[in-house]
Amino acid sequence: MKVLILGGTGFVGRAIAALLPGRELFNRGRDATMPGLVGDRDTGDYSALRSGTWDAVVDCSGYLPRHVGEAMDALDGRVGRYLFISSHVVLDGTVPRRDAVLPLTDATYGPSKLACEQDIMRRYGDRATIVRPGKVAGPHDNQNGLTYWVRLTARAATSRGVVEVPGALTQPVQLVDSRDLAAFVARLLHDDRGGEWTAVGDTVSLGDLIHTCARAAGTTVSLREVPPVTTRVPLIKDPSLWSTQHRDPAPARAAGLPVTPLLKTAADVLAWDRTAAA
């Protein structure tokens, strides 16, 4: 397939690009190792897309309705399927919002993503595919989710092995490996499937996740709950949000979403992080 990826050099987009040999990238051109068409969604520069046709577009970098609206206008009539990487947070009774601005906040991220979804489905109909991942983890993770705990447990191996957790060890956490997400996107494109898909992994407790990170580092740690802090700690959520960590993965898995064991994800994140830091 001839696929255009909007984005593709960061985290999720990089994993998707690695699985699509016929892909072409459209982004700001900041990564010389992944050349492609150069433009800027923030300024509305889509001049590089004035010609060309593609079987599908994968939108990894659309956050505002303006982003997807301008992209659809630029690609009008020259792309088959529009696959949009959205977020599972749109499932929480979100009301769409079209006036949000960057940088998005917790209050505007979901509403803006939902508005993007609606505009794409309105324009593309059954040629629209919406993928709503949970928290993504894996190599090249610049979102500081699982990577934070992998680093922390690896450092604990050289200290007293005690990890203080400003939250409840029983808190549920539901991640999805970036490579599983990429494989699912590739499968949906190959099968030419539309619809809305929630892409999530298995739910584990925060305590089990931290111990798994320690195992990936070849060590063991002791966990101690401490009072919550005012600054945000990756993956820790208020109890009112725990229900968001129990999304149903069954439909996506039946459609081809694979599941990488958390231990392997953590080990691969650690290996990447050590290589990147070298």
C-alpha atoms as a PDB file:
ATOM      1  CA  MET A   1       0.000   0.000   0.000  1.00  0.00           C
ATOM      2  CA  LYS A   2       0.987   3.592  -0.545  1.00  0.00           C
ATOM      3  CA  VAL A   3       0.447   5.265   2.820  1.00  0.00           C
ATOM      4  CA  LEU A   4       0.980   8.859   3.894  1.00  0.00           C
ATOM      5  CA  ILE A   5       1.822   9.378   7.573  1.00  0.00           C
ATOM      6  CA  LEU A   6       1.179  12.798   9.051  1.00  0.00           C
ATOM      7  CA  GLY A   7       3.918  12.911  11.656  1.00  0.00           C
ATOM      8  CA  GLY A   8       5.905   9.711  11.905  1.00  0.00           C
ATOM      9  CA  THR A   9       9.212  10.674  13.520  1.00  0.00           C
ATOM     10  CA  GLY A  10       8.258  10.799  17.188  1.00  0.00           C
ATOM     11  CA  PHE A  11       6.946   7.912  19.241  1.00  0.00           C
ATOM     12  CA  VAL A  12       3.722   6.351  17.983  1.00  0.00           C
ATOM     13  CA  GLY A  13       4.277   7.547  14.428  1.00  0.00           C
ATOM     14  CA  ARG A  14       7.794   6.120  14.383  1.00  0.00           C
ATOM     15  CA  ALA A  15       6.507   2.676  15.339  1.00  0.00           C
ATOM     16  CA  ILE A  16       3.837   2.826  12.642  1.00  0.00           C
ATOM     17  CA  ALA A  17       6.299   4.022   9.999  1.00  0.00           C
ATOM     18  CA  ALA A  18       8.604   1.096  10.783  1.00  0.00           C
ATOM     19  CA  LEU A  19       5.870  -1.389   9.781  1.00  0.00           C
ATOM     20  CA  LEU A  20       4.751   0.292   6.559  1.00  0.00           C
ATOM     21  CA  PRO A  21       7.454  -0.055   3.899  1.00  0.00           C
ATOM     22  CA  GLY A  22       5.429   1.885   1.347  1.00  0.00           C
ATOM     23  CA  ARG A  23       4.867   4.880   3.617  1.00  0.00           C
ATOM     24  CA  GLU A  24       5.693   8.503   2.981  1.00  0.00           C
ATOM     25  CA  LEU A  25       6.085  10.974   5.838  1.00  0.00           C
ATOM     26  CA  PHE A  26       4.816  14.535   6.145  1.00  0.00           C
ATOM     27  CA  ASN A  27       6.249  16.579   9.004  1.00  0.00           C
ATOM     28  CA  ARG A  28       8.578  19.450   9.828  1.00  0.00           C
ATOM     29  CA  GLY A  29      11.625  17.574   8.607  1.00  0.00           C
ATOM     30  CA  ARG A  30      13.501  17.793  11.888  1.00  0.00           C
ATOM     31  CA  ASP A  31      14.719  14.178  11.843  1.00  0.00           C
ATOM     32  CA  ALA A  32      17.237  13.765   9.030  1.00  0.00           C
ATOM     33  CA  THR A  33      17.191   9.977   9.471  1.00  0.00           C
ATOM     34  CA  MET A  34      13.533   9.858   8.382  1.00  0.00           C
ATOM     35  CA  PRO A  35      13.189  12.124   5.332  1.00  0.00           C
ATOM     36  CA  GLY A  36       9.857  12.934   3.781  1.00  0.00           C
ATOM     37  CA  LEU A  37       7.609  15.752   2.680  1.00  0.00           C
ATOM     38  CA  VAL A  38       8.201  18.906   4.683  1.00  0.00           C
ATOM     39  CA  GLY A  39       5.396  21.084   6.030  1.00  0.00           C
ATOM     40  CA  ASP A  40       4.004  22.514   9.232  1.00  0.00           C
ATOM     41  CA  ARG A  41       0.534  21.793  10.563  1.00  0.00           C
ATOM     42  CA  ASP A  42       0.742  24.531  13.167  1.00  0.00           C
ATOM     43  CA  THR A  43       1.197  27.204  10.486  1.00  0.00           C
ATOM     44  CA  GLY A  44      -1.073  25.469   7.989  1.00  0.00           C
ATOM     45  CA  ASP A  45       1.700  24.785   5.456  1.00  0.00           C
ATOM     46  CA  TYR A  46       0.502  21.803   3.414  1.00  0.00           C
ATOM     47  CA  SER A  47       2.070  22.907   0.132  1.00  0.00           C
ATOM     48  CA  ALA A  48       4.084  19.663  -0.086  1.00  0.00           C
ATOM     49  CA  LEU A  49       0.797  17.748  -0.392  1.00  0.00           C
ATOM     50  CA  ARG A  50      -0.460  19.567  -3.464  1.00  0.00           C
ATOM     51  CA  SER A  51       0.265  16.541  -5.650  1.00  0.00           C
ATOM     52  CA  GLY A  52       0.351  12.804  -5.140  1.00  0.00           C
ATOM     53  CA  THR A  53      -2.162  10.099  -4.323  1.00  0.00           C
ATOM     54  CA  TRP A  54      -2.229   7.604  -1.478  1.00  0.00           C
ATOM     55  CA  ASP A  55      -4.237   4.523  -0.594  1.00  0.00           C
ATOM     56  CA  ALA A  56      -4.522   5.754   2.986  1.00  0.00           C
ATOM     57  CA  VAL A  57      -3.377   8.461   5.351  1.00  0.00           C
ATOM     58  CA  VAL A  58      -2.450   7.804   8.987  1.00  0.00           C
ATOM     59  CA  ASP A  59      -2.854  10.958  11.055  1.00  0.00           C
ATOM     60  CA  CYS A  60      -0.550  10.759  14.076  1.00  0.00           C
ATOM     61  CA  SER A  61      -0.195  14.493  14.645  1.00  0.00           C
ATOM     62  CA  GLY A  62      -3.721  15.874  14.511  1.00  0.00           C
ATOM     63  CA  TYR A  63      -4.701  17.495  17.796  1.00  0.00           C
ATOM     64  CA  LEU A  64      -6.955  20.361  16.747  1.00  0.00           C
ATOM     65  CA  PRO A  65      -9.949  20.294  14.394  1.00  0.00           C
ATOM     66  CA  ARG A  66      -8.053  22.839  12.308  1.00  0.00           C
ATOM     67  CA  HIS A  67      -5.256  20.308  11.843  1.00  0.00           C
ATOM     68  CA  VAL A  68      -7.495  17.621  10.401  1.00  0.00           C
ATOM     69  CA  GLY A  69      -9.670  20.068   8.476  1.00  0.00           C
ATOM     70  CA  GLU A  70      -6.712  21.582   6.648  1.00  0.00           C
ATOM     71  CA  ALA A  71      -5.185  18.155   6.022  1.00  0.00           C
ATOM     72  CA  MET A  72      -8.433  16.842   4.561  1.00  0.00           C
ATOM     73  CA  ASP A  73      -8.725  19.911   2.355  1.00  0.00           C
ATOM     74  CA  ALA A  74      -5.161  19.469   1.110  1.00  0.00           C
ATOM     75  CA  LEU A  75      -5.718  15.769   0.374  1.00  0.00           C
ATOM     76  CA  ASP A  76      -9.239  16.112  -1.010  1.00  0.00           C
ATOM     77  CA  GLY A  77      -9.969  13.366  -3.533  1.00  0.00           C
ATOM     78  CA  ARG A  78      -6.427  11.962  -3.465  1.00  0.00           C
ATOM     79  CA  VAL A  79      -6.508   9.561  -0.538  1.00  0.00           C
ATOM     80  CA  GLY A  80      -8.565   6.434   0.013  1.00  0.00           C
ATOM     81  CA  ARG A  81      -8.861   5.870   3.757  1.00  0.00           C
ATOM     82  CA  TYR A  82      -8.266   8.304   6.633  1.00  0.00           C
ATOM     83  CA  LEU A  83      -7.021   6.584   9.802  1.00  0.00           C
ATOM     84  CA  PHE A  84      -6.874   8.887  12.801  1.00  0.00           C
ATOM     85  CA  ILE A  85      -4.925   8.203  15.995  1.00  0.00           C
ATOM     86  CA  SER A  86      -7.222   9.558  18.688  1.00  0.00           C
ATOM     87  CA  SER A  87      -7.327   8.693  22.410  1.00  0.00           C
ATOM     88  CA  HIS A  88      -9.327   6.505  24.768  1.00  0.00           C
ATOM     89  CA  VAL A  89     -10.160   9.604  26.833  1.00  0.00           C
ATOM     90  CA  VAL A  90     -12.870  10.552  24.335  1.00  0.00           C
ATOM     91  CA  LEU A  91     -14.936   7.682  25.773  1.00  0.00           C
ATOM     92  CA  ASP A  92     -15.522   9.434  29.086  1.00  0.00           C
ATOM     93  CA  GLY A  93     -18.627  11.452  28.269  1.00  0.00           C
ATOM     94  CA  THR A  94     -16.526  14.022  26.462  1.00  0.00           C
ATOM     95  CA  VAL A  95     -18.210  16.969  24.757  1.00  0.00           C
ATOM     96  CA  PRO A  96     -16.468  17.957  21.501  1.00  0.00           C
ATOM     97  CA  ARG A  97     -14.665  21.265  21.482  1.00  0.00           C
ATOM     98  CA  ARG A  98     -13.449  23.099  18.394  1.00  0.00           C
ATOM     99  CA  ASP A  99     -11.957  26.203  19.995  1.00  0.00           C
ATOM    100  CA  ALA A 100      -9.091  24.579  21.914  1.00  0.00           C
ATOM    101  CA  VAL A 101      -5.555  25.835  21.397  1.00  0.00           C
ATOM    102  CA  LEU A 102      -2.097  24.368  21.841  1.00  0.00           C
ATOM    103  CA  PRO A 103      -0.766  23.282  24.211  1.00  0.00           C
ATOM    104  CA  LEU A 104      -3.753  21.142  25.095  1.00  0.00           C
ATOM    105  CA  THR A 105      -4.598  20.459  28.736  1.00  0.00           C
ATOM    106  CA  ASP A 106      -6.399  17.635  30.511  1.00  0.00           C
ATOM    107  CA  ALA A 107      -9.590  19.658  30.086  1.00  0.00           C
ATOM    108  CA  THR A 108      -9.171  20.252  26.331  1.00  0.00           C
ATOM    109  CA  TYR A 109      -7.296  17.221  25.005  1.00  0.00           C
ATOM    110  CA  GLY A 110     -10.218  14.781  24.882  1.00  0.00           C
ATOM    111  CA  PRO A 111     -12.796  17.304  23.652  1.00  0.00           C
ATOM    112  CA  SER A 112     -10.462  18.470  20.874  1.00  0.00           C
ATOM    113  CA  LYS A 113      -9.646  14.915  19.791  1.00  0.00           C
ATOM    114  CA  LEU A 114     -13.349  14.052  19.722  1.00  0.00           C
ATOM    115  CA  ALA A 115     -14.070  17.051  17.512  1.00  0.00           C
ATOM    116  CA  CYS A 116     -11.322  15.850  15.166  1.00  0.00           C
ATOM    117  CA  GLU A 117     -12.920  12.400  15.061  1.00  0.00           C
ATOM    118  CA  GLN A 118     -16.328  13.796  14.207  1.00  0.00           C
ATOM    119  CA  ASP A 119     -14.998  15.961  11.400  1.00  0.00           C
ATOM    120  CA  ILE A 120     -13.125  13.041   9.844  1.00  0.00           C
ATOM    121  CA  MET A 121     -16.108  10.704  10.060  1.00  0.00           C
ATOM    122  CA  ARG A 122     -18.351  13.386   8.600  1.00  0.00           C
ATOM    123  CA  ARG A 123     -16.040  13.841   5.623  1.00  0.00           C
ATOM    124  CA  TYR A 124     -14.921  10.247   5.025  1.00  0.00           C
ATOM    125  CA  GLY A 125     -17.850   8.171   6.248  1.00  0.00           C
ATOM    126  CA  ASP A 126     -17.096   4.456   5.950  1.00  0.00           C
ATOM    127  CA  ARG A 127     -13.603   5.341   4.722  1.00  0.00           C
ATOM    128  CA  ALA A 128     -12.759   6.718   8.172  1.00  0.00           C
ATOM    129  CA  THR A 129     -10.964   4.605  10.775  1.00  0.00           C
ATOM    130  CA  ILE A 130     -10.622   5.861  14.343  1.00  0.00           C
ATOM    131  CA  VAL A 131      -8.086   4.211  16.661  1.00  0.00           C
ATOM    132  CA  ARG A 132      -8.273   5.177  20.329  1.00  0.00           C
ATOM    133  CA  PRO A 133      -5.195   3.940  22.167  1.00  0.00           C
ATOM    134  CA  GLY A 134      -4.771   3.885  25.894  1.00  0.00           C
ATOM    135  CA  LYS A 135      -1.533   5.111  27.412  1.00  0.00           C
ATOM    136  CA  VAL A 136       1.181   4.034  24.980  1.00  0.00           C
ATOM    137  CA  ALA A 137       4.494   2.559  26.117  1.00  0.00           C
ATOM    138  CA  GLY A 138       7.570   1.354  24.291  1.00  0.00           C
ATOM    139  CA  PRO A 139      10.959   2.367  22.899  1.00  0.00           C
ATOM    140  CA  HIS A 140      11.238   6.065  21.942  1.00  0.00           C
ATOM    141  CA  ASP A 141       8.623   6.927  24.586  1.00  0.00           C
ATOM    142  CA  ASN A 142       8.892  10.694  24.965  1.00  0.00           C
ATOM    143  CA  GLN A 143       5.705  10.859  27.048  1.00  0.00           C
ATOM    144  CA  ASN A 144       7.457   9.757  30.244  1.00  0.00           C
ATOM    145  CA  GLY A 145       4.959   7.080  31.217  1.00  0.00           C
ATOM    146  CA  LEU A 146       6.333   3.574  31.639  1.00  0.00           C
ATOM    147  CA  THR A 147       9.801   4.981  30.926  1.00  0.00           C
ATOM    148  CA  TYR A 148       9.691   6.883  34.218  1.00  0.00           C
ATOM    149  CA  TRP A 149       9.191   3.710  36.274  1.00  0.00           C
ATOM    150  CA  VAL A 150      11.719   1.725  34.244  1.00  0.00           C
ATOM    151  CA  ARG A 151      14.351   4.366  34.999  1.00  0.00           C
ATOM    152  CA  LEU A 152      13.352   4.639  38.645  1.00  0.00           C
ATOM    153  CA  THR A 153      13.552   0.912  39.346  1.00  0.00           C
ATOM    154  CA  ALA A 154      16.847   0.617  37.466  1.00  0.00           C
ATOM    155  CA  ARG A 155      18.306   3.361  39.689  1.00  0.00           C
ATOM    156  CA  ALA A 156      16.883   1.663  42.777  1.00  0.00           C
ATOM    157  CA  ALA A 157      19.151  -1.291  42.061  1.00  0.00           C
ATOM    158  CA  THR A 158      22.120   0.901  42.988  1.00  0.00           C
ATOM    159  CA  SER A 159      20.485   2.332  46.106  1.00  0.00           C
ATOM    160  CA  ARG A 160      18.630   0.645  48.925  1.00  0.00           C
ATOM    161  CA  GLY A 161      16.053  -0.830  46.579  1.00  0.00           C
ATOM    162  CA  VAL A 162      13.157   1.151  48.039  1.00  0.00           C
ATOM    163  CA  VAL A 163      10.729   2.884  45.667  1.00  0.00           C
ATOM    164  CA  GLU A 164       8.354   5.422  47.153  1.00  0.00           C
ATOM    165  CA  VAL A 165       5.017   5.541  45.345  1.00  0.00           C
ATOM    166  CA  PRO A 166       2.851   8.646  45.865  1.00  0.00           C
ATOM    167  CA  GLY A 167      -0.333   6.732  45.229  1.00  0.00           C
ATOM    168  CA  ALA A 168      -2.069   3.400  45.749  1.00  0.00           C
ATOM    169  CA  LEU A 169      -0.251   0.249  44.698  1.00  0.00           C
ATOM    170  CA  THR A 170      -3.639  -1.283  43.868  1.00  0.00           C
ATOM    171  CA  GLN A 171      -4.411   1.394  41.275  1.00  0.00           C
ATOM    172  CA  PRO A 172      -5.199  -0.162  37.878  1.00  0.00           C
ATOM    173  CA  VAL A 173      -2.986   0.720  34.912  1.00  0.00           C
ATOM    174  CA  GLN A 174      -3.765  -0.139  31.295  1.00  0.00           C
ATOM    175  CA  LEU A 175      -1.043   0.417  28.706  1.00  0.00           C
ATOM    176  CA  VAL A 176      -0.583  -0.546  25.068  1.00  0.00           C
ATOM    177  CA  ASP A 177       2.795  -1.310  23.520  1.00  0.00           C
ATOM    178  CA  SER A 178       3.589   1.116  20.690  1.00  0.00           C
ATOM    179  CA  ARG A 179       4.548  -1.774  18.433  1.00  0.00           C
ATOM    180  CA  ASP A 180       1.248  -3.545  19.101  1.00  0.00           C
ATOM    181  CA  LEU A 181      -0.558  -0.333  18.230  1.00  0.00           C
ATOM    182  CA  ALA A 182       1.482  -0.026  15.040  1.00  0.00           C
ATOM    183  CA  ALA A 183       0.759  -3.632  14.072  1.00  0.00           C
ATOM    184  CA  PHE A 184      -2.935  -3.022  14.636  1.00  0.00           C
ATOM    185  CA  VAL A 185      -2.901   0.090  12.452  1.00  0.00           C
ATOM    186  CA  ALA A 186      -1.126  -1.861   9.710  1.00  0.00           C
ATOM    187  CA  ARG A 187      -3.693  -4.660   9.992  1.00  0.00           C
ATOM    188  CA  LEU A 188      -6.644  -2.274   9.776  1.00  0.00           C
ATOM    189  CA  LEU A 189      -5.159  -0.673   6.677  1.00  0.00           C
ATOM    190  CA  HIS A 190      -4.435  -4.041   5.079  1.00  0.00           C
ATOM    191  CA  ASP A 191      -7.987  -5.204   5.764  1.00  0.00           C
ATOM    192  CA  ASP A 192      -9.422  -1.827   4.686  1.00  0.00           C
ATOM    193  CA  ARG A 193     -11.484  -1.677   7.875  1.00  0.00           C
ATOM    194  CA  GLY A 194     -13.312   1.360   9.086  1.00  0.00           C
ATOM    195  CA  GLY A 195     -14.996   1.991  12.422  1.00  0.00           C
ATOM    196  CA  GLU A 196     -13.896   2.997  15.893  1.00  0.00           C
ATOM    197  CA  TRP A 197     -11.398   0.885  17.818  1.00  0.00           C
ATOM    198  CA  THR A 198     -10.129   1.023  21.392  1.00  0.00           C
ATOM    199  CA  ALA A 199      -6.528  -0.208  21.429  1.00  0.00           C
ATOM    200  CA  VAL A 200      -5.477  -1.178  24.951  1.00  0.00           C
ATOM    201  CA  GLY A 201      -3.434  -3.846  26.691  1.00  0.00           C
ATOM    202  CA  ASP A 202      -4.170  -5.834  29.815  1.00  0.00           C
ATOM    203  CA  THR A 203      -4.972  -4.073  33.081  1.00  0.00           C
ATOM    204  CA  VAL A 204      -2.422  -4.548  35.866  1.00  0.00           C
ATOM    205  CA  SER A 205      -1.969  -2.971  39.269  1.00  0.00           C
ATOM    206  CA  LEU A 206       0.515  -0.146  39.663  1.00  0.00           C
ATOM    207  CA  GLY A 207       2.440  -2.250  42.156  1.00  0.00           C
ATOM    208  CA  ASP A 208       2.736  -5.170  39.734  1.00  0.00           C
ATOM    209  CA  LEU A 209       3.823  -2.789  36.980  1.00  0.00           C
ATOM    210  CA  ILE A 210       6.641  -1.364  39.109  1.00  0.00           C
ATOM    211  CA  HIS A 211       7.815  -4.832  40.150  1.00  0.00           C
ATOM    212  CA  THR A 212       7.786  -5.865  36.473  1.00  0.00           C
ATOM    213  CA  CYS A 213       9.968  -2.873  35.616  1.00  0.00           C
ATOM    214  CA  ALA A 214      12.388  -3.985  38.326  1.00  0.00           C
ATOM    215  CA  ARG A 215      12.482  -7.499  36.901  1.00  0.00           C
ATOM    216  CA  ALA A 216      13.318  -6.023  33.497  1.00  0.00           C
ATOM    217  CA  ALA A 217      16.280  -4.289  35.154  1.00  0.00           C
ATOM    218  CA  GLY A 218      17.356  -7.563  36.766  1.00  0.00           C
ATOM    219  CA  THR A 219      16.614  -6.496  40.297  1.00  0.00           C
ATOM    220  CA  THR A 220      13.941  -6.449  42.985  1.00  0.00           C
ATOM    221  CA  VAL A 221      12.560  -3.477  44.857  1.00  0.00           C
ATOM    222  CA  SER A 222      10.506  -2.780  47.950  1.00  0.00           C
ATOM    223  CA  LEU A 223       7.539  -0.495  47.408  1.00  0.00           C
ATOM    224  CA  ARG A 224       6.307   2.015  49.956  1.00  0.00           C
ATOM    225  CA  GLU A 225       3.167   4.073  49.559  1.00  0.00           C
ATOM    226  CA  VAL A 226       3.633   7.728  50.470  1.00  0.00           C
ATOM    227  CA  PRO A 227       1.166  10.635  50.450  1.00  0.00           C
ATOM    228  CA  PRO A 228       0.310  12.103  47.015  1.00  0.00           C
ATOM    229  CA  VAL A 229       2.463  14.977  45.802  1.00  0.00           C
ATOM    230  CA  THR A 230       1.363  18.175  44.109  1.00  0.00           C
ATOM    231  CA  THR A 231       3.392  17.524  40.959  1.00  0.00           C
ATOM    232  CA  ARG A 232       2.203  14.954  38.468  1.00  0.00           C
ATOM    233  CA  VAL A 233       3.808  11.511  38.654  1.00  0.00           C
ATOM    234  CA  PRO A 234       3.509   9.416  35.479  1.00  0.00           C
ATOM    235  CA  LEU A 235       0.726   6.795  35.430  1.00  0.00           C
ATOM    236  CA  ILE A 236      -0.640   7.744  38.858  1.00  0.00           C
ATOM    237  CA  LYS A 237      -4.305   8.716  38.688  1.00  0.00           C
ATOM    238  CA  ASP A 238      -6.909  10.004  41.068  1.00  0.00           C
ATOM    239  CA  PRO A 239      -9.273   7.219  42.208  1.00  0.00           C
ATOM    240  CA  SER A 240     -12.084   8.950  40.316  1.00  0.00           C
ATOM    241  CA  LEU A 241     -10.261   8.011  37.090  1.00  0.00           C
ATOM    242  CA  TRP A 242      -9.505   4.385  37.870  1.00  0.00           C
ATOM    243  CA  SER A 243     -12.440   3.229  35.777  1.00  0.00           C
ATOM    244  CA  THR A 244     -10.657   4.577  32.684  1.00  0.00           C
ATOM    245  CA  GLN A 245      -8.077   1.816  33.116  1.00  0.00           C
ATOM    246  CA  HIS A 246     -10.549  -0.960  32.405  1.00  0.00           C
ATOM    247  CA  ARG A 247     -11.292  -0.413  28.710  1.00  0.00           C
ATOM    248  CA  ASP A 248     -12.571  -3.430  26.776  1.00  0.00           C
ATOM    249  CA  PRO A 249      -9.835  -4.759  24.459  1.00  0.00           C
ATOM    250  CA  ALA A 250     -11.895  -7.598  22.989  1.00  0.00           C
ATOM    251  CA  PRO A 251     -13.128  -5.992  19.716  1.00  0.00           C
ATOM    252  CA  ALA A 252      -9.676  -4.721  18.757  1.00  0.00           C
ATOM    253  CA  ARG A 253      -8.032  -8.016  19.629  1.00  0.00           C
ATOM    254  CA  ALA A 254     -10.535  -9.898  17.517  1.00  0.00           C
ATOM    255  CA  ALA A 255      -9.584  -7.544  14.666  1.00  0.00           C
ATOM    256  CA  GLY A 256      -5.866  -8.222  15.082  1.00  0.00           C
ATOM    257  CA  LEU A 257      -4.464  -6.175  17.982  1.00  0.00           C
ATOM    258  CA  PRO A 258      -1.521  -8.176  19.426  1.00  0.00           C
ATOM    259  CA  VAL A 259      -0.494  -8.103  23.085  1.00  0.00           C
ATOM    260  CA  THR A 260       3.175  -7.877  24.038  1.00  0.00           C
ATOM    261  CA  PRO A 261       3.898  -9.018  27.627  1.00  0.00           C
ATOM    262  CA  LEU A 262       4.571  -6.084  29.923  1.00  0.00           C
ATOM    263  CA  LEU A 263       7.937  -7.547  30.935  1.00  0.00           C
ATOM    264  CA  LYS A 264       9.159  -7.457  27.343  1.00  0.00           C
ATOM    265  CA  THR A 265       7.891  -3.914  26.852  1.00  0.00           C
ATOM    266  CA  ALA A 266       9.685  -2.783  30.004  1.00  0.00           C
ATOM    267  CA  ALA A 267      12.907  -4.581  29.017  1.00  0.00           C
ATOM    268  CA  ASP A 268      12.859  -3.055  25.544  1.00  0.00           C
ATOM    269  CA  VAL A 269      12.224   0.414  26.969  1.00  0.00           C
ATOM    270  CA  LEU A 270      15.173  -0.026  29.326  1.00  0.00           C
ATOM    271  CA  ALA A 271      17.456  -1.192  26.512  1.00  0.00           C
ATOM    272  CA  TRP A 272      16.443   1.734  24.313  1.00  0.00           C
ATOM    273  CA  ASP A 273      16.837   4.221  27.153  1.00  0.00           C
ATOM    274  CA  ARG A 274      20.328   3.005  27.959  1.00  0.00           C
ATOM    275  CA  THR A 275      21.339   3.171  24.310  1.00  0.00           C
ATOM    276  CA  ALA A 276      19.899   6.673  23.920  1.00  0.00           C
ATOM    277  CA  ALA A 277      21.752   7.853  27.009  1.00  0.00           C
ATOM    278  CA  ALA A 278      25.087   6.362  25.927  1.00  0.00           C
END
